[in-house]
C-alpha atoms as a PDB file:
ATOM      1  CA  MET A   1     196.642 154.904 168.945  1.00  0.00           C
ATOM      2  CA  LYS A   2     199.103 157.057 172.050  1.00  0.00           C
ATOM      3  CA  ILE A   3     201.319 155.674 173.619  1.00  0.00           C
ATOM      4  CA  ALA A   4     203.724 155.641 176.707  1.00  0.00           C
ATOM      5  CA  VAL A   5     207.325 153.729 177.289  1.00  0.00           C
ATOM      6  CA  VAL A   6     207.986 153.853 180.364  1.00  0.00           C
ATOM      7  CA  GLY A   7     212.046 152.906 180.557  1.00  0.00           C
ATOM      8  CA  LEU A   8     213.490 153.277 176.889  1.00  0.00           C
ATOM      9  CA  GLY A   9     216.089 150.778 176.848  1.00  0.00           C
ATOM     10  CA  LEU A  10     216.068 147.344 174.046  1.00  0.00           C
ATOM     11  CA  ILE A  11     212.045 146.416 174.908  1.00  0.00           C
ATOM     12  CA  GLY A  12     210.203 149.090 175.525  1.00  0.00           C
ATOM     13  CA  GLY A  13     212.631 151.333 172.888  1.00  0.00           C
ATOM     14  CA  SER A  14     212.455 148.596 169.863  1.00  0.00           C
ATOM     15  CA  MET A  15     208.851 148.344 170.313  1.00  0.00           C
ATOM     16  CA  ALA A  16     208.401 151.455 170.062  1.00  0.00           C
ATOM     17  CA  LEU A  17     209.785 151.568 166.882  1.00  0.00           C
ATOM     18  CA  VAL A  18     207.954 148.238 165.712  1.00  0.00           C
ATOM     19  CA  LEU A  19     204.756 150.051 166.833  1.00  0.00           C
ATOM     20  CA  ARG A  20     205.780 152.888 164.957  1.00  0.00           C
ATOM     21  CA  GLN A  21     206.672 151.082 162.093  1.00  0.00           C
ATOM     22  CA  LYS A  22     203.555 149.420 161.423  1.00  0.00           C
ATOM     23  CA  GLY A  23     200.872 152.362 162.024  1.00  0.00           C
ATOM     24  CA  PHE A  24     200.406 151.480 165.081  1.00  0.00           C
ATOM     25  CA  ALA A  25     201.456 154.128 167.409  1.00  0.00           C
ATOM     26  CA  SER A  26     199.926 157.452 165.938  1.00  0.00           C
ATOM     27  CA  ARG A  27     202.263 159.825 169.421  1.00  0.00           C
ATOM     28  CA  ILE A  28     205.018 157.675 171.509  1.00  0.00           C
ATOM     29  CA  PHE A  29     205.431 159.225 174.628  1.00  0.00           C
ATOM     30  CA  GLY A  30     208.425 158.858 176.597  1.00  0.00           C
ATOM     31  CA  VAL A  31     209.519 158.657 179.956  1.00  0.00           C
ATOM     32  CA  ASP A  32     212.554 157.125 181.508  1.00  0.00           C
ATOM     33  CA  SER A  33     214.115 157.917 184.913  1.00  0.00           C
ATOM     34  CA  GLN A  34     218.080 158.676 183.193  1.00  0.00           C
ATOM     35  CA  GLU A  35     217.990 162.100 181.245  1.00  0.00           C
ATOM     36  CA  THR A  36     220.465 160.460 179.100  1.00  0.00           C
ATOM     37  CA  HIS A  37     218.464 157.826 177.078  1.00  0.00           C
ATOM     38  CA  ALA A  38     215.825 159.481 177.310  1.00  0.00           C
ATOM     39  CA  GLN A  39     217.611 162.319 174.817  1.00  0.00           C
ATOM     40  CA  LYS A  40     218.944 159.746 173.133  1.00  0.00           C
ATOM     41  CA  ALA A  41     215.722 157.740 172.902  1.00  0.00           C
ATOM     42  CA  LEU A  42     214.062 161.190 171.314  1.00  0.00           C
ATOM     43  CA  GLU A  43     217.231 162.407 169.405  1.00  0.00           C
ATOM     44  CA  LEU A  44     216.899 158.950 167.578  1.00  0.00           C
ATOM     45  CA  GLY A  45     213.152 159.043 167.154  1.00  0.00           C
ATOM     46  CA  ILE A  46     212.649 155.970 169.771  1.00  0.00           C
ATOM     47  CA  VAL A  47     209.404 158.331 171.522  1.00  0.00           C
ATOM     48  CA  ASP A  48     207.986 162.337 170.155  1.00  0.00           C
ATOM     49  CA  GLU A  49     207.809 163.366 173.462  1.00  0.00           C
ATOM     50  CA  ILE A  50     210.114 163.017 176.900  1.00  0.00           C
ATOM     51  CA  THR A  51     207.364 163.552 179.197  1.00  0.00           C
ATOM     52  CA  ASP A  52     206.580 162.290 183.170  1.00  0.00           C
ATOM     53  CA  LEU A  53     204.092 160.000 184.126  1.00  0.00           C
ATOM     54  CA  ASP A  54     201.194 161.160 185.260  1.00  0.00           C
ATOM     55  CA  ASN A  55     201.058 162.873 181.416  1.00  0.00           C
ATOM     56  CA  ALA A  56     202.426 160.149 179.704  1.00  0.00           C
ATOM     57  CA  ILE A  57     199.545 158.186 181.922  1.00  0.00           C
ATOM     58  CA  ALA A  58     196.980 160.901 181.000  1.00  0.00           C
ATOM     59  CA  ASN A  59     197.603 161.116 177.564  1.00  0.00           C
ATOM     60  CA  SER A  60     197.540 157.729 176.159  1.00  0.00           C
ATOM     61  CA  ASP A  61     195.996 154.434 175.120  1.00  0.00           C
ATOM     62  CA  ILE A  62     198.428 152.141 176.496  1.00  0.00           C
ATOM     63  CA  VAL A  63     200.781 152.144 179.165  1.00  0.00           C
ATOM     64  CA  ILE A  64     204.171 150.527 178.812  1.00  0.00           C
ATOM     65  CA  LEU A  65     205.923 149.342 181.276  1.00  0.00           C
ATOM     66  CA  SER A  66     210.284 148.695 180.173  1.00  0.00           C
ATOM     67  CA  ALA A  67     211.365 149.911 183.390  1.00  0.00           C
ATOM     68  CA  PRO A  68     213.893 146.255 185.615  1.00  0.00           C
ATOM     69  CA  VAL A  69     211.105 144.756 187.367  1.00  0.00           C
ATOM     70  CA  SER A  70     212.266 146.228 190.690  1.00  0.00           C
ATOM     71  CA  VAL A  71     210.692 149.675 189.273  1.00  0.00           C
ATOM     72  CA  CYS A  72     208.060 148.134 187.811  1.00  0.00           C
ATOM     73  CA  SER A  73     206.966 146.409 190.951  1.00  0.00           C
ATOM     74  CA  ALA A  74     207.467 149.868 192.947  1.00  0.00           C
ATOM     75  CA  LEU A  75     205.372 151.706 189.407  1.00  0.00           C
ATOM     76  CA  LEU A  76     203.019 149.253 188.274  1.00  0.00           C
ATOM     77  CA  PRO A  77     200.619 150.367 191.698  1.00  0.00           C
ATOM     78  CA  ARG A  78     200.707 153.653 191.122  1.00  0.00           C
ATOM     79  CA  VAL A  79     200.326 153.572 187.538  1.00  0.00           C
ATOM     80  CA  LEU A  80     196.961 152.414 188.249  1.00  0.00           C
ATOM     81  CA  ASP A  81     195.702 154.420 190.604  1.00  0.00           C
ATOM     82  CA  GLN A  82     195.447 156.781 187.709  1.00  0.00           C
ATOM     83  CA  VAL A  83     194.072 154.727 184.827  1.00  0.00           C
ATOM     84  CA  THR A  84     190.709 154.771 184.098  1.00  0.00           C
ATOM     85  CA  ARG A  85     190.372 153.727 179.897  1.00  0.00           C
ATOM     86  CA  GLN A  86     193.552 152.998 179.743  1.00  0.00           C
ATOM     87  CA  VAL A  87     195.133 150.112 178.751  1.00  0.00           C
ATOM     88  CA  VAL A  88     198.851 148.883 181.554  1.00  0.00           C
ATOM     89  CA  PHE A  89     200.954 146.428 180.669  1.00  0.00           C
ATOM     90  CA  ASP A  90     204.041 145.431 181.855  1.00  0.00           C
ATOM     91  CA  THR A  91     207.698 143.519 179.933  1.00  0.00           C
ATOM     92  CA  GLY A  92     209.727 142.083 182.610  1.00  0.00           C
ATOM     93  CA  SER A  93     211.512 138.729 182.739  1.00  0.00           C
ATOM     94  CA  THR A  94     209.501 137.658 186.246  1.00  0.00           C
ATOM     95  CA  LYS A  95     205.259 138.014 187.467  1.00  0.00           C
ATOM     96  CA  THR A  96     205.241 137.379 191.017  1.00  0.00           C
ATOM     97  CA  SER A  97     205.867 140.609 192.623  1.00  0.00           C
ATOM     98  CA  LEU A  98     203.804 142.371 190.182  1.00  0.00           C
ATOM     99  CA  LEU A  99     201.076 140.504 190.391  1.00  0.00           C
ATOM    100  CA  GLU A 100     201.057 140.254 194.239  1.00  0.00           C
ATOM    101  CA  ALA A 101     202.250 144.636 194.331  1.00  0.00           C
ATOM    102  CA  VAL A 102     198.416 144.636 192.231  1.00  0.00           C
ATOM    103  CA  LYS A 103     196.540 142.093 193.341  1.00  0.00           C
ATOM    104  CA  GLY A 104     192.871 143.940 194.322  1.00  0.00           C
ATOM    105  CA  HIS A 105     194.010 147.147 192.946  1.00  0.00           C
ATOM    106  CA  VAL A 106     190.153 147.956 191.486  1.00  0.00           C
ATOM    107  CA  ASN A 107     192.063 148.792 188.730  1.00  0.00           C
ATOM    108  CA  ARG A 108     193.669 145.277 188.193  1.00  0.00           C
ATOM    109  CA  GLY A 109     191.818 144.511 184.690  1.00  0.00           C
ATOM    110  CA  ARG A 110     193.638 147.297 183.112  1.00  0.00           C
ATOM    111  CA  TYR A 111     196.480 145.169 183.438  1.00  0.00           C
ATOM    112  CA  ILE A 112     198.079 142.669 181.723  1.00  0.00           C
ATOM    113  CA  ALA A 113     201.606 141.003 182.738  1.00  0.00           C
ATOM    114  CA  THR A 114     203.141 139.520 179.656  1.00  0.00           C
ATOM    115  CA  HIS A 115     207.319 139.034 179.280  1.00  0.00           C
ATOM    116  CA  PRO A 116     208.533 139.677 175.694  1.00  0.00           C
ATOM    117  CA  MET A 117     210.547 136.635 174.553  1.00  0.00           C
ATOM    118  CA  TRP A 118     213.236 138.054 172.663  1.00  0.00           C
ATOM    119  CA  GLY A 119     215.850 140.425 173.748  1.00  0.00           C
ATOM    120  CA  THR A 120     220.187 140.736 173.573  1.00  0.00           C
ATOM    121  CA  GLU A 121     222.898 141.957 175.967  1.00  0.00           C
ATOM    122  CA  PHE A 122     223.021 145.056 174.951  1.00  0.00           C
ATOM    123  CA  SER A 123     221.200 147.745 176.404  1.00  0.00           C
ATOM    124  CA  GLY A 124     220.206 151.825 176.816  1.00  0.00           C
ATOM    125  CA  PRO A 125     217.604 152.679 173.871  1.00  0.00           C
ATOM    126  CA  GLU A 126     221.128 152.636 171.686  1.00  0.00           C
ATOM    127  CA  ALA A 127     220.503 148.921 171.206  1.00  0.00           C
ATOM    128  CA  ALA A 128     217.351 149.483 170.027  1.00  0.00           C
ATOM    129  CA  THR A 129     215.957 148.046 166.744  1.00  0.00           C
ATOM    130  CA  THR A 130     213.092 146.948 164.155  1.00  0.00           C
ATOM    131  CA  ASP A 131     214.250 143.804 163.736  1.00  0.00           C
ATOM    132  CA  ALA A 132     212.739 142.490 166.725  1.00  0.00           C
ATOM    133  CA  PHE A 133     210.420 140.021 168.513  1.00  0.00           C
ATOM    134  CA  GLU A 134     209.039 138.307 165.030  1.00  0.00           C
ATOM    135  CA  GLY A 135     209.071 134.828 165.688  1.00  0.00           C
ATOM    136  CA  ARG A 136     208.594 135.260 169.754  1.00  0.00           C
ATOM    137  CA  ALA A 137     206.638 133.783 172.813  1.00  0.00           C
ATOM    138  CA  ASN A 138     205.475 136.212 174.220  1.00  0.00           C
ATOM    139  CA  VAL A 139     203.469 134.710 177.482  1.00  0.00           C
ATOM    140  CA  ILE A 140     200.961 136.396 179.132  1.00  0.00           C
ATOM    141  CA  CYS A 141     200.369 135.576 183.277  1.00  0.00           C
ATOM    142  CA  ASN A 142     196.603 135.458 184.843  1.00  0.00           C
ATOM    143  CA  ALA A 143     194.897 136.045 181.645  1.00  0.00           C
ATOM    144  CA  SER A 144     191.998 135.645 183.378  1.00  0.00           C
ATOM    145  CA  GLU A 145     192.454 138.209 186.085  1.00  0.00           C
ATOM    146  CA  SER A 146     192.988 141.451 182.952  1.00  0.00           C
ATOM    147  CA  ASP A 147     189.590 143.100 181.549  1.00  0.00           C
ATOM    148  CA  LYS A 148     188.183 141.457 177.896  1.00  0.00           C
ATOM    149  CA  ASP A 149     189.225 144.313 176.151  1.00  0.00           C
ATOM    150  CA  ALA A 150     192.868 144.876 178.490  1.00  0.00           C
ATOM    151  CA  LEU A 151     193.552 141.368 177.002  1.00  0.00           C
ATOM    152  CA  GLU A 152     192.230 141.517 173.598  1.00  0.00           C
ATOM    153  CA  THR A 153     194.485 145.150 173.127  1.00  0.00           C
ATOM    154  CA  VAL A 154     197.808 143.894 174.167  1.00  0.00           C
ATOM    155  CA  GLU A 155     197.700 139.753 172.360  1.00  0.00           C
ATOM    156  CA  GLN A 156     196.759 142.152 168.689  1.00  0.00           C
ATOM    157  CA  LEU A 157     199.527 144.337 170.190  1.00  0.00           C
ATOM    158  CA  TYR A 158     202.124 141.135 170.334  1.00  0.00           C
ATOM    159  CA  THR A 159     200.859 139.886 167.217  1.00  0.00           C
ATOM    160  CA  LEU A 160     201.058 143.353 165.493  1.00  0.00           C
ATOM    161  CA  LEU A 161     205.181 143.174 166.674  1.00  0.00           C
ATOM    162  CA  GLY A 162     205.682 138.517 165.018  1.00  0.00           C
ATOM    163  CA  MET A 163     204.789 137.185 168.697  1.00  0.00           C
ATOM    164  CA  TYR A 164     202.542 134.161 169.340  1.00  0.00           C
ATOM    165  CA  ASN A 165     201.205 134.422 172.341  1.00  0.00           C
ATOM    166  CA  VAL A 166     201.669 131.418 175.601  1.00  0.00           C
ATOM    167  CA  TYR A 167     198.928 131.716 179.035  1.00  0.00           C
ATOM    168  CA  MET A 168     200.394 130.323 182.197  1.00  0.00           C
ATOM    169  CA  GLU A 169     199.971 131.566 185.756  1.00  0.00           C
ATOM    170  CA  GLY A 170     202.868 134.326 186.842  1.00  0.00           C
ATOM    171  CA  LYS A 171     204.406 130.960 189.729  1.00  0.00           C
ATOM    172  CA  ASP A 172     204.761 129.012 187.034  1.00  0.00           C
ATOM    173  CA  HIS A 173     206.268 132.223 184.751  1.00  0.00           C
ATOM    174  CA  ASP A 174     209.121 132.382 187.135  1.00  0.00           C
ATOM    175  CA  VAL A 175     210.067 128.768 187.645  1.00  0.00           C
ATOM    176  CA  HIS A 176     210.578 127.731 183.987  1.00  0.00           C
ATOM    177  CA  VAL A 177     212.247 131.203 183.113  1.00  0.00           C
ATOM    178  CA  ALA A 178     215.194 130.181 185.411  1.00  0.00           C
ATOM    179  CA  TYR A 179     215.581 126.985 183.602  1.00  0.00           C
ATOM    180  CA  VAL A 180     215.729 128.492 180.829  1.00  0.00           C
ATOM    181  CA  SER A 181     216.605 132.358 181.154  1.00  0.00           C
ATOM    182  CA  HIS A 182     217.857 133.419 184.087  1.00  0.00           C
ATOM    183  CA  ILE A 183     220.771 130.319 184.252  1.00  0.00           C
ATOM    184  CA  SER A 184     221.633 131.204 181.115  1.00  0.00           C
ATOM    185  CA  HIS A 185     223.049 134.183 182.141  1.00  0.00           C
ATOM    186  CA  ILE A 186     224.328 133.768 185.557  1.00  0.00           C
ATOM    187  CA  THR A 187     226.885 130.773 183.842  1.00  0.00           C
ATOM    188  CA  SER A 188     227.452 132.952 182.215  1.00  0.00           C
ATOM    189  CA  PHE A 189     228.477 135.656 183.531  1.00  0.00           C
ATOM    190  CA  ALA A 190     230.658 133.360 186.259  1.00  0.00           C
ATOM    191  CA  LEU A 191     232.855 131.721 183.301  1.00  0.00           C
ATOM    192  CA  ALA A 192     233.411 135.316 182.449  1.00  0.00           C
ATOM    193  CA  ASN A 193     234.330 136.078 185.844  1.00  0.00           C
ATOM    194  CA  THR A 194     236.437 132.609 185.876  1.00  0.00           C
ATOM    195  CA  VAL A 195     237.825 133.210 182.810  1.00  0.00           C
ATOM    196  CA  LEU A 196     239.388 136.865 183.157  1.00  0.00           C
ATOM    197  CA  GLU A 197     240.506 135.678 187.625  1.00  0.00           C
ATOM    198  CA  LYS A 198     242.590 132.693 185.485  1.00  0.00           C
ATOM    199  CA  GLU A 199     243.840 133.974 182.088  1.00  0.00           C
ATOM    200  CA  LYS A 200     245.788 137.077 182.986  1.00  0.00           C
ATOM    201  CA  GLU A 201     247.080 137.570 179.470  1.00  0.00           C
ATOM    202  CA  GLU A 202     244.307 139.265 178.121  1.00  0.00           C
ATOM    203  CA  ASN A 203     245.702 139.527 174.269  1.00  0.00           C
ATOM    204  CA  ALA A 204     245.461 135.986 174.187  1.00  0.00           C
ATOM    205  CA  ILE A 205     241.522 136.132 175.515  1.00  0.00           C
ATOM    206  CA  PHE A 206     241.613 138.521 172.693  1.00  0.00           C
ATOM    207  CA  GLU A 207     243.507 136.649 170.364  1.00  0.00           C
ATOM    208  CA  LEU A 208     242.508 133.131 170.655  1.00  0.00           C
ATOM    209  CA  ALA A 209     238.783 133.447 171.404  1.00  0.00           C
ATOM    210  CA  SER A 210     236.594 130.617 168.969  1.00  0.00           C
ATOM    211  CA  ALA A 211     233.197 131.060 167.855  1.00  0.00           C
ATOM    212  CA  GLY A 212     232.271 128.785 170.841  1.00  0.00           C
ATOM    213  CA  PHE A 213     233.852 131.167 173.552  1.00  0.00           C
ATOM    214  CA  GLU A 214     232.086 134.084 172.279  1.00  0.00           C
ATOM    215  CA  SER A 215     228.625 132.634 171.667  1.00  0.00           C
ATOM    216  CA  THR A 216     228.765 131.129 175.565  1.00  0.00           C
ATOM    217  CA  VAL A 217     230.521 135.045 177.262  1.00  0.00           C
ATOM    218  CA  ARG A 218     227.987 136.930 175.165  1.00  0.00           C
ATOM    219  CA  LEU A 219     225.213 137.404 178.264  1.00  0.00           C
ATOM    220  CA  ALA A 220     228.427 138.502 179.991  1.00  0.00           C
ATOM    221  CA  LYS A 221     228.092 141.842 178.809  1.00  0.00           C
ATOM    222  CA  SER A 222     223.877 142.277 179.885  1.00  0.00           C
ATOM    223  CA  SER A 223     223.497 145.888 182.253  1.00  0.00           C
ATOM    224  CA  PRO A 224     223.931 144.334 185.525  1.00  0.00           C
ATOM    225  CA  ALA A 225     221.219 146.705 186.470  1.00  0.00           C
ATOM    226  CA  MET A 226     219.209 144.495 184.991  1.00  0.00           C
ATOM    227  CA  TRP A 227     219.138 141.674 185.932  1.00  0.00           C
ATOM    228  CA  MET A 228     220.159 142.075 189.798  1.00  0.00           C
ATOM    229  CA  PRO A 229     216.564 142.122 190.261  1.00  0.00           C
ATOM    230  CA  ILE A 230     216.148 139.428 188.366  1.00  0.00           C
ATOM    231  CA  PHE A 231     217.822 137.218 190.088  1.00  0.00           C
ATOM    232  CA  LYS A 232     216.842 138.646 193.789  1.00  0.00           C
ATOM    233  CA  GLN A 233     213.188 139.103 193.001  1.00  0.00           C
ATOM    234  CA  ASN A 234     213.676 135.018 191.417  1.00  0.00           C
ATOM    235  CA  LYS A 235     215.722 134.520 193.565  1.00  0.00           C
ATOM    236  CA  GLU A 236     213.835 130.743 195.445  1.00  0.00           C
ATOM    237  CA  ASN A 237     213.738 129.756 191.182  1.00  0.00           C
ATOM    238  CA  VAL A 238     217.332 130.571 190.637  1.00  0.00           C
ATOM    239  CA  LEU A 239     218.721 129.384 193.909  1.00  0.00           C
ATOM    240  CA  ASP A 240     217.243 125.436 192.511  1.00  0.00           C
ATOM    241  CA  VAL A 241     218.759 125.645 189.370  1.00  0.00           C
ATOM    242  CA  LEU A 242     221.710 126.876 190.477  1.00  0.00           C
ATOM    243  CA  ASN A 243     221.741 124.234 193.211  1.00  0.00           C
ATOM    244  CA  GLU A 244     220.828 121.786 189.886  1.00  0.00           C
ATOM    245  CA  HIS A 245     224.165 123.087 187.849  1.00  0.00           C
ATOM    246  CA  ILE A 246     226.141 122.316 190.618  1.00  0.00           C
ATOM    247  CA  SER A 247     225.349 119.522 190.846  1.00  0.00           C
ATOM    248  CA  GLN A 248     225.926 118.990 186.951  1.00  0.00           C
ATOM    249  CA  LEU A 249     229.225 120.370 187.160  1.00  0.00           C
ATOM    250  CA  ARG A 250     230.968 118.773 189.303  1.00  0.00           C
ATOM    251  CA  LYS A 251     229.980 115.765 187.923  1.00  0.00           C
ATOM    252  CA  PHE A 252     232.133 116.617 185.288  1.00  0.00           C
ATOM    253  CA  LYS A 253     234.751 117.295 187.188  1.00  0.00           C
ATOM    254  CA  SER A 254     234.246 113.948 189.356  1.00  0.00           C
ATOM    255  CA  CYS A 255     234.816 112.043 185.747  1.00  0.00           C
ATOM    256  CA  ILE A 256     237.380 114.036 184.887  1.00  0.00           C
ATOM    257  CA  GLU A 257     239.675 113.496 188.257  1.00  0.00           C
ATOM    258  CA  LYS A 258     238.570 109.801 188.637  1.00  0.00           C
ATOM    259  CA  GLU A 259     239.429 109.367 184.246  1.00  0.00           C
ATOM    260  CA  ASN A 260     236.280 107.962 184.575  1.00  0.00           C
ATOM    261  CA  TRP A 261     235.649 109.015 181.089  1.00  0.00           C
ATOM    262  CA  ALA A 262     232.422 106.360 180.125  1.00  0.00           C
ATOM    263  CA  TYR A 263     230.106 108.086 182.567  1.00  0.00           C
ATOM    264  CA  LEU A 264     231.922 111.655 181.133  1.00  0.00           C
ATOM    265  CA  SER A 265     230.853 110.545 177.444  1.00  0.00           C
ATOM    266  CA  GLU A 266     227.444 109.257 178.282  1.00  0.00           C
ATOM    267  CA  LEU A 267     227.265 112.871 181.134  1.00  0.00           C
ATOM    268  CA  MET A 268     227.452 114.147 177.091  1.00  0.00           C
ATOM    269  CA  GLU A 269     225.383 111.358 174.660  1.00  0.00           C
ATOM    270  CA  ASN A 270     222.354 112.445 177.900  1.00  0.00           C
ATOM    271  CA  ALA A 271     223.151 116.583 177.432  1.00  0.00           C
ATOM    272  CA  ASN A 272     222.388 116.017 173.087  1.00  0.00           C
ATOM    273  CA  LYS A 273     219.422 114.840 173.257  1.00  0.00           C
ATOM    274  CA  ILE A 274     218.815 118.615 174.532  1.00  0.00           C
ATOM    275  CA  LYS A 275     219.507 119.556 170.232  1.00  0.00           C
ATOM    276  CA  ASP A 276     215.860 117.036 169.731  1.00  0.00           C
ATOM    277  CA  VAL A 277     213.721 119.639 171.973  1.00  0.00           C
ATOM    278  CA  LEU A 278     215.392 122.592 169.827  1.00  0.00           C
ATOM    279  CA  ASP A 279     215.010 121.403 166.844  1.00  0.00           C
ATOM    280  CA  ARG A 280     211.359 121.063 167.309  1.00  0.00           C
ATOM    281  CA  LYS A 281     211.504 124.666 167.491  1.00  0.00           C
END
């Protein structure tokens, strides 16, 4: 299969590496608006050739859109304008805006809306790795709107990556990822800002930061260029979960202020129930 990867960062780059390693990709075309990313991806052997979008589409069997979600919303209709037999899918963290962008498009069936639930706090082609995706979920949204052969191709591709496919509607997906992914990033960004604001001694942060702090604040190293559009596109769902999170923080604050240690213990014991949910995974 000849594959075009549009957006040569962590996800797109890792996908290219694994698909080549598995023998699925015979040739990989890379497209990226950042010249430094494009050249680095070529140097690292992530892609075989850097080209423009139109040429990549014309010469590929599969087009992977792995640019920021705001970019993909604008690119997707243009890509579908040019496809005939090609299969097109994206890897973005929000789905509603993309699905709306191609609603009623004559080539809508060639597009599959996907979200591989894997990532790290790192970005750019240097972050790409073959140690990715295995055992993780991939969400396929509005599958009934895609052509059967295109859907089967993408399902097989994700299975080859080592992922398992789950299916839901785009609007439901955006609600759920706000709860399990987007709020985690906001919390991490906010915690990093809190510590940077209150702890003026950088050496103290460096010397005293425990594994717990590092794991909690790890996501604050994520790319703002990627996450700002996600928060923007999923604004209503993010605000909903953020309001609940602020409410929970106020409960903890009130307990400590009023020395209500019994209720504080109850809140923490209730939080421990998340272990049972995660252990099932």
